[in-house]
Amino acid sequence: MKGKRSVGFTFAWNGLKEVTRTERNFRIHLFITALVLTIGFLVELNWLEWCIVIFAIGLVLVTEVTNSAIEKMIDYLNPAIHPSAKIIKDMAAGAVLIAAIIAALIGLIIFLPKIYMLFI
Protein backbone atom coordinates (compact mmCIF):
# COMPACT_ATOMS: atom_id res chain seq x y z
CA MET A 1 0.00 0.00 0.00
CA LYS A 2 2.80 2.41 0.82
CA GLY A 3 4.23 2.24 -2.71
CA LYS A 4 0.92 3.30 -4.27
CA ARG A 5 0.68 6.32 -2.00
CA SER A 6 4.20 7.46 -2.77
CA VAL A 7 3.56 7.07 -6.52
CA GLY A 8 0.39 9.18 -6.21
CA PHE A 9 2.32 11.81 -4.27
CA THR A 10 5.04 11.77 -6.94
CA PHE A 11 2.46 12.37 -9.68
CA ALA A 12 0.90 15.21 -7.69
CA TRP A 13 4.31 16.75 -7.01
CA ASN A 14 5.17 16.50 -10.72
CA GLY A 15 1.92 18.28 -11.54
CA LEU A 16 2.76 21.12 -9.14
CA LYS A 17 6.26 21.41 -10.60
CA GLU A 18 4.80 21.54 -14.11
CA VAL A 19 2.21 24.20 -13.31
CA THR A 20 4.89 26.27 -11.57
CA ARG A 21 7.26 25.90 -14.51
CA THR A 22 4.73 26.62 -17.26
CA GLU A 23 2.05 28.90 -15.84
CA ARG A 24 2.99 32.54 -15.29
CA ASN A 25 -0.20 33.31 -13.34
CA PHE A 26 0.50 30.49 -10.90
CA ARG A 27 3.97 31.92 -10.26
CA ILE A 28 2.38 35.33 -9.66
CA HIS A 29 0.01 33.74 -7.13
CA LEU A 30 2.97 32.06 -5.41
CA PHE A 31 4.78 35.41 -5.19
CA ILE A 32 1.68 37.05 -3.69
CA THR A 33 1.39 34.10 -1.29
CA ALA A 34 4.95 34.68 -0.07
CA LEU A 35 4.22 38.39 0.33
CA VAL A 36 0.99 37.76 2.28
CA LEU A 37 2.68 35.20 4.54
CA THR A 38 5.52 37.61 5.25
CA ILE A 39 3.13 40.43 6.08
CA GLY A 40 1.10 38.02 8.21
CA PHE A 41 4.16 37.31 10.35
CA LEU A 42 5.02 41.00 10.58
CA VAL A 43 1.55 42.03 11.78
CA GLU A 44 1.29 38.95 14.03
CA LEU A 45 -1.92 37.37 12.82
CA ASN A 46 -3.76 35.28 15.42
CA TRP A 47 -4.53 31.61 14.79
CA LEU A 48 -8.03 32.27 13.40
CA GLU A 49 -6.74 34.93 11.03
CA TRP A 50 -4.01 32.53 9.87
CA CYS A 51 -6.63 29.84 9.21
CA ILE A 52 -8.73 32.22 7.13
CA VAL A 53 -5.74 33.60 5.20
CA ILE A 54 -4.34 30.12 4.50
CA PHE A 55 -7.77 28.95 3.34
CA ALA A 56 -8.07 31.94 0.99
CA ILE A 57 -4.57 31.30 -0.40
CA GLY A 58 -5.42 27.64 -0.91
CA LEU A 59 -8.65 28.55 -2.69
CA VAL A 60 -6.78 30.71 -5.19
CA LEU A 61 -3.98 28.20 -5.78
CA VAL A 62 -6.37 25.27 -6.23
CA THR A 63 -8.54 27.18 -8.70
CA GLU A 64 -5.46 28.31 -10.63
CA VAL A 65 -4.16 24.73 -10.91
CA THR A 66 -7.63 23.52 -11.93
CA ASN A 67 -7.91 26.30 -14.52
CA SER A 68 -4.51 25.37 -15.95
CA ALA A 69 -5.47 21.70 -16.13
CA ILE A 70 -8.75 22.54 -17.89
CA GLU A 71 -6.94 24.77 -20.41
CA LYS A 72 -4.36 22.07 -21.17
CA MET A 73 -7.08 19.43 -21.51
CA ILE A 74 -9.10 21.58 -23.93
CA ASP A 75 -5.96 22.30 -25.98
CA TYR A 76 -5.20 18.56 -26.06
CA LEU A 77 -8.73 17.53 -27.05
CA ASN A 78 -9.25 20.27 -29.61
CA PRO A 79 -6.12 22.23 -30.60
CA ALA A 80 -8.12 24.29 -33.11
CA ILE A 81 -9.75 27.46 -31.85
CA HIS A 82 -13.41 26.72 -31.22
CA PRO A 83 -16.08 28.97 -29.66
CA SER A 84 -17.10 26.27 -27.16
CA ALA A 85 -13.48 25.71 -26.12
CA LYS A 86 -13.12 29.45 -25.52
CA ILE A 87 -16.22 29.50 -23.32
CA ILE A 88 -14.93 26.56 -21.26
CA LYS A 89 -11.55 28.26 -20.78
CA ASP A 90 -13.20 31.58 -19.93
CA MET A 91 -15.42 29.93 -17.34
CA ALA A 92 -12.42 28.25 -15.69
CA ALA A 93 -10.56 31.57 -15.67
CA GLY A 94 -13.66 33.15 -14.15
CA ALA A 95 -13.44 30.70 -11.26
CA VAL A 96 -9.89 31.92 -10.59
CA LEU A 97 -11.07 35.53 -10.72
CA ILE A 98 -13.82 34.82 -8.17
CA ALA A 99 -11.33 33.09 -5.86
CA ALA A 100 -8.84 35.95 -6.21
CA ILE A 101 -11.50 38.57 -5.45
CA ILE A 102 -12.62 36.64 -2.38
CA ALA A 103 -9.01 36.30 -1.22
CA ALA A 104 -8.36 40.01 -1.79
CA LEU A 105 -11.46 40.95 0.22
CA ILE A 106 -10.40 38.64 3.04
CA GLY A 107 -6.94 40.18 2.91
CA LEU A 108 -8.34 43.69 3.12
CA ILE A 109 -10.60 42.80 6.05
CA ILE A 110 -7.79 41.13 8.00
CA PHE A 111 -4.74 43.19 7.04
CA LEU A 112 -5.96 46.79 6.66
CA PRO A 113 -6.83 47.34 10.34
CA LYS A 114 -3.51 45.81 11.42
CA ILE A 115 -1.48 47.87 8.96
CA TYR A 116 -3.44 50.97 9.96
CA MET A 117 -2.55 50.36 13.62
CA LEU A 118 1.14 50.26 12.70
CA PHE A 119 0.95 53.88 11.53
CA ILE A 120 -0.98 55.29 14.47
C-alpha atoms as a PDB file:
ATOM      1  CA  MET A   1       0.000   0.000   0.000  1.00  0.00           C
ATOM      2  CA  LYS A   2       2.803   2.414   0.818  1.00  0.00           C
ATOM      3  CA  GLY A   3       4.227   2.238  -2.711  1.00  0.00           C
ATOM      4  CA  LYS A   4       0.925   3.302  -4.269  1.00  0.00           C
ATOM      5  CA  ARG A   5       0.679   6.324  -1.996  1.00  0.00           C
ATOM      6  CA  SER A   6       4.197   7.464  -2.773  1.00  0.00           C
ATOM      7  CA  VAL A   7       3.562   7.069  -6.518  1.00  0.00           C
ATOM      8  CA  GLY A   8       0.390   9.184  -6.210  1.00  0.00           C
ATOM      9  CA  PHE A   9       2.317  11.812  -4.272  1.00  0.00           C
ATOM     10  CA  THR A  10       5.040  11.768  -6.940  1.00  0.00           C
ATOM     11  CA  PHE A  11       2.462  12.366  -9.683  1.00  0.00           C
ATOM     12  CA  ALA A  12       0.901  15.205  -7.692  1.00  0.00           C
ATOM     13  CA  TRP A  13       4.313  16.753  -7.008  1.00  0.00           C
ATOM     14  CA  ASN A  14       5.171  16.496 -10.722  1.00  0.00           C
ATOM     15  CA  GLY A  15       1.923  18.285 -11.538  1.00  0.00           C
ATOM     16  CA  LEU A  16       2.761  21.117  -9.143  1.00  0.00           C
ATOM     17  CA  LYS A  17       6.256  21.414 -10.596  1.00  0.00           C
ATOM     18  CA  GLU A  18       4.800  21.538 -14.115  1.00  0.00           C
ATOM     19  CA  VAL A  19       2.213  24.197 -13.309  1.00  0.00           C
ATOM     20  CA  THR A  20       4.892  26.268 -11.565  1.00  0.00           C
ATOM     21  CA  ARG A  21       7.257  25.901 -14.511  1.00  0.00           C
ATOM     22  CA  THR A  22       4.734  26.619 -17.261  1.00  0.00           C
ATOM     23  CA  GLU A  23       2.045  28.898 -15.842  1.00  0.00           C
ATOM     24  CA  ARG A  24       2.989  32.542 -15.291  1.00  0.00           C
ATOM     25  CA  ASN A  25      -0.200  33.312 -13.338  1.00  0.00           C
ATOM     26  CA  PHE A  26       0.504  30.485 -10.898  1.00  0.00           C
ATOM     27  CA  ARG A  27       3.972  31.920 -10.258  1.00  0.00           C
ATOM     28  CA  ILE A  28       2.384  35.326  -9.661  1.00  0.00           C
ATOM     29  CA  HIS A  29       0.007  33.742  -7.135  1.00  0.00           C
ATOM     30  CA  LEU A  30       2.968  32.064  -5.413  1.00  0.00           C
ATOM     31  CA  PHE A  31       4.781  35.409  -5.188  1.00  0.00           C
ATOM     32  CA  ILE A  32       1.683  37.047  -3.694  1.00  0.00           C
ATOM     33  CA  THR A  33       1.387  34.097  -1.291  1.00  0.00           C
ATOM     34  CA  ALA A  34       4.946  34.677  -0.074  1.00  0.00           C
ATOM     35  CA  LEU A  35       4.217  38.390   0.332  1.00  0.00           C
ATOM     36  CA  VAL A  36       0.994  37.757   2.275  1.00  0.00           C
ATOM     37  CA  LEU A  37       2.678  35.199   4.541  1.00  0.00           C
ATOM     38  CA  THR A  38       5.524  37.611   5.254  1.00  0.00           C
ATOM     39  CA  ILE A  39       3.129  40.430   6.084  1.00  0.00           C
ATOM     40  CA  GLY A  40       1.101  38.016   8.210  1.00  0.00           C
ATOM     41  CA  PHE A  41       4.162  37.310  10.354  1.00  0.00           C
ATOM     42  CA  LEU A  42       5.015  41.004  10.584  1.00  0.00           C
ATOM     43  CA  VAL A  43       1.552  42.031  11.782  1.00  0.00           C
ATOM     44  CA  GLU A  44       1.286  38.947  14.035  1.00  0.00           C
ATOM     45  CA  LEU A  45      -1.923  37.369  12.824  1.00  0.00           C
ATOM     46  CA  ASN A  46      -3.759  35.283  15.415  1.00  0.00           C
ATOM     47  CA  TRP A  47      -4.530  31.608  14.789  1.00  0.00           C
ATOM     48  CA  LEU A  48      -8.029  32.267  13.403  1.00  0.00           C
ATOM     49  CA  GLU A  49      -6.743  34.934  11.029  1.00  0.00           C
ATOM     50  CA  TRP A  50      -4.011  32.532   9.873  1.00  0.00           C
ATOM     51  CA  CYS A  51      -6.626  29.842   9.212  1.00  0.00           C
ATOM     52  CA  ILE A  52      -8.733  32.222   7.133  1.00  0.00           C
ATOM     53  CA  VAL A  53      -5.742  33.599   5.196  1.00  0.00           C
ATOM     54  CA  ILE A  54      -4.338  30.125   4.497  1.00  0.00           C
ATOM     55  CA  PHE A  55      -7.767  28.946   3.338  1.00  0.00           C
ATOM     56  CA  ALA A  56      -8.067  31.938   0.985  1.00  0.00           C
ATOM     57  CA  ILE A  57      -4.572  31.303  -0.396  1.00  0.00           C
ATOM     58  CA  GLY A  58      -5.421  27.639  -0.913  1.00  0.00           C
ATOM     59  CA  LEU A  59      -8.653  28.545  -2.691  1.00  0.00           C
ATOM     60  CA  VAL A  60      -6.782  30.715  -5.194  1.00  0.00           C
ATOM     61  CA  LEU A  61      -3.979  28.202  -5.785  1.00  0.00           C
ATOM     62  CA  VAL A  62      -6.371  25.274  -6.228  1.00  0.00           C
ATOM     63  CA  THR A  63      -8.536  27.175  -8.702  1.00  0.00           C
ATOM     64  CA  GLU A  64      -5.455  28.310 -10.632  1.00  0.00           C
ATOM     65  CA  VAL A  65      -4.164  24.726 -10.914  1.00  0.00           C
ATOM     66  CA  THR A  66      -7.631  23.520 -11.933  1.00  0.00           C
ATOM     67  CA  ASN A  67      -7.908  26.300 -14.520  1.00  0.00           C
ATOM     68  CA  SER A  68      -4.507  25.371 -15.948  1.00  0.00           C
ATOM     69  CA  ALA A  69      -5.475  21.698 -16.134  1.00  0.00           C
ATOM     70  CA  ILE A  70      -8.752  22.539 -17.892  1.00  0.00           C
ATOM     71  CA  GLU A  71      -6.942  24.771 -20.408  1.00  0.00           C
ATOM     72  CA  LYS A  72      -4.359  22.066 -21.172  1.00  0.00           C
ATOM     73  CA  MET A  73      -7.077  19.427 -21.513  1.00  0.00           C
ATOM     74  CA  ILE A  74      -9.097  21.581 -23.926  1.00  0.00           C
ATOM     75  CA  ASP A  75      -5.959  22.295 -25.980  1.00  0.00           C
ATOM     76  CA  TYR A  76      -5.205  18.561 -26.064  1.00  0.00           C
ATOM     77  CA  LEU A  77      -8.728  17.528 -27.048  1.00  0.00           C
ATOM     78  CA  ASN A  78      -9.251  20.270 -29.615  1.00  0.00           C
ATOM     79  CA  PRO A  79      -6.122  22.226 -30.598  1.00  0.00           C
ATOM     80  CA  ALA A  80      -8.119  24.289 -33.107  1.00  0.00           C
ATOM     81  CA  ILE A  81      -9.753  27.460 -31.850  1.00  0.00           C
ATOM     82  CA  HIS A  82     -13.412  26.719 -31.220  1.00  0.00           C
ATOM     83  CA  PRO A  83     -16.085  28.968 -29.663  1.00  0.00           C
ATOM     84  CA  SER A  84     -17.103  26.268 -27.158  1.00  0.00           C
ATOM     85  CA  ALA A  85     -13.482  25.712 -26.118  1.00  0.00           C
ATOM     86  CA  LYS A  86     -13.121  29.451 -25.522  1.00  0.00           C
ATOM     87  CA  ILE A  87     -16.221  29.495 -23.318  1.00  0.00           C
ATOM     88  CA  ILE A  88     -14.929  26.559 -21.265  1.00  0.00           C
ATOM     89  CA  LYS A  89     -11.555  28.255 -20.778  1.00  0.00           C
ATOM     90  CA  ASP A  90     -13.196  31.583 -19.931  1.00  0.00           C
ATOM     91  CA  MET A  91     -15.417  29.933 -17.337  1.00  0.00           C
ATOM     92  CA  ALA A  92     -12.419  28.251 -15.693  1.00  0.00           C
ATOM     93  CA  ALA A  93     -10.565  31.569 -15.671  1.00  0.00           C
ATOM     94  CA  GLY A  94     -13.665  33.150 -14.152  1.00  0.00           C
ATOM     95  CA  ALA A  95     -13.438  30.704 -11.256  1.00  0.00           C
ATOM     96  CA  VAL A  96      -9.888  31.922 -10.586  1.00  0.00           C
ATOM     97  CA  LEU A  97     -11.072  35.529 -10.715  1.00  0.00           C
ATOM     98  CA  ILE A  98     -13.825  34.825  -8.172  1.00  0.00           C
ATOM     99  CA  ALA A  99     -11.331  33.093  -5.862  1.00  0.00           C
ATOM    100  CA  ALA A 100      -8.841  35.948  -6.214  1.00  0.00           C
ATOM    101  CA  ILE A 101     -11.503  38.573  -5.449  1.00  0.00           C
ATOM    102  CA  ILE A 102     -12.622  36.639  -2.378  1.00  0.00           C
ATOM    103  CA  ALA A 103      -9.010  36.301  -1.216  1.00  0.00           C
ATOM    104  CA  ALA A 104      -8.365  40.006  -1.793  1.00  0.00           C
ATOM    105  CA  LEU A 105     -11.462  40.954   0.222  1.00  0.00           C
ATOM    106  CA  ILE A 106     -10.400  38.636   3.042  1.00  0.00           C
ATOM    107  CA  GLY A 107      -6.935  40.179   2.906  1.00  0.00           C
ATOM    108  CA  LEU A 108      -8.341  43.693   3.122  1.00  0.00           C
ATOM    109  CA  ILE A 109     -10.597  42.801   6.053  1.00  0.00           C
ATOM    110  CA  ILE A 110      -7.786  41.132   7.996  1.00  0.00           C
ATOM    111  CA  PHE A 111      -4.736  43.194   7.044  1.00  0.00           C
ATOM    112  CA  LEU A 112      -5.956  46.786   6.661  1.00  0.00           C
ATOM    113  CA  PRO A 113      -6.829  47.337  10.336  1.00  0.00           C
ATOM    114  CA  LYS A 114      -3.507  45.808  11.418  1.00  0.00           C
ATOM    115  CA  ILE A 115      -1.477  47.869   8.956  1.00  0.00           C
ATOM    116  CA  TYR A 116      -3.441  50.973   9.958  1.00  0.00           C
ATOM    117  CA  MET A 117      -2.548  50.355  13.616  1.00  0.00           C
ATOM    118  CA  LEU A 118       1.140  50.265  12.702  1.00  0.00           C
ATOM    119  CA  PHE A 119       0.955  53.876  11.532  1.00  0.00           C
ATOM    120  CA  ILE A 120      -0.983  55.293  14.469  1.00  0.00           C
END
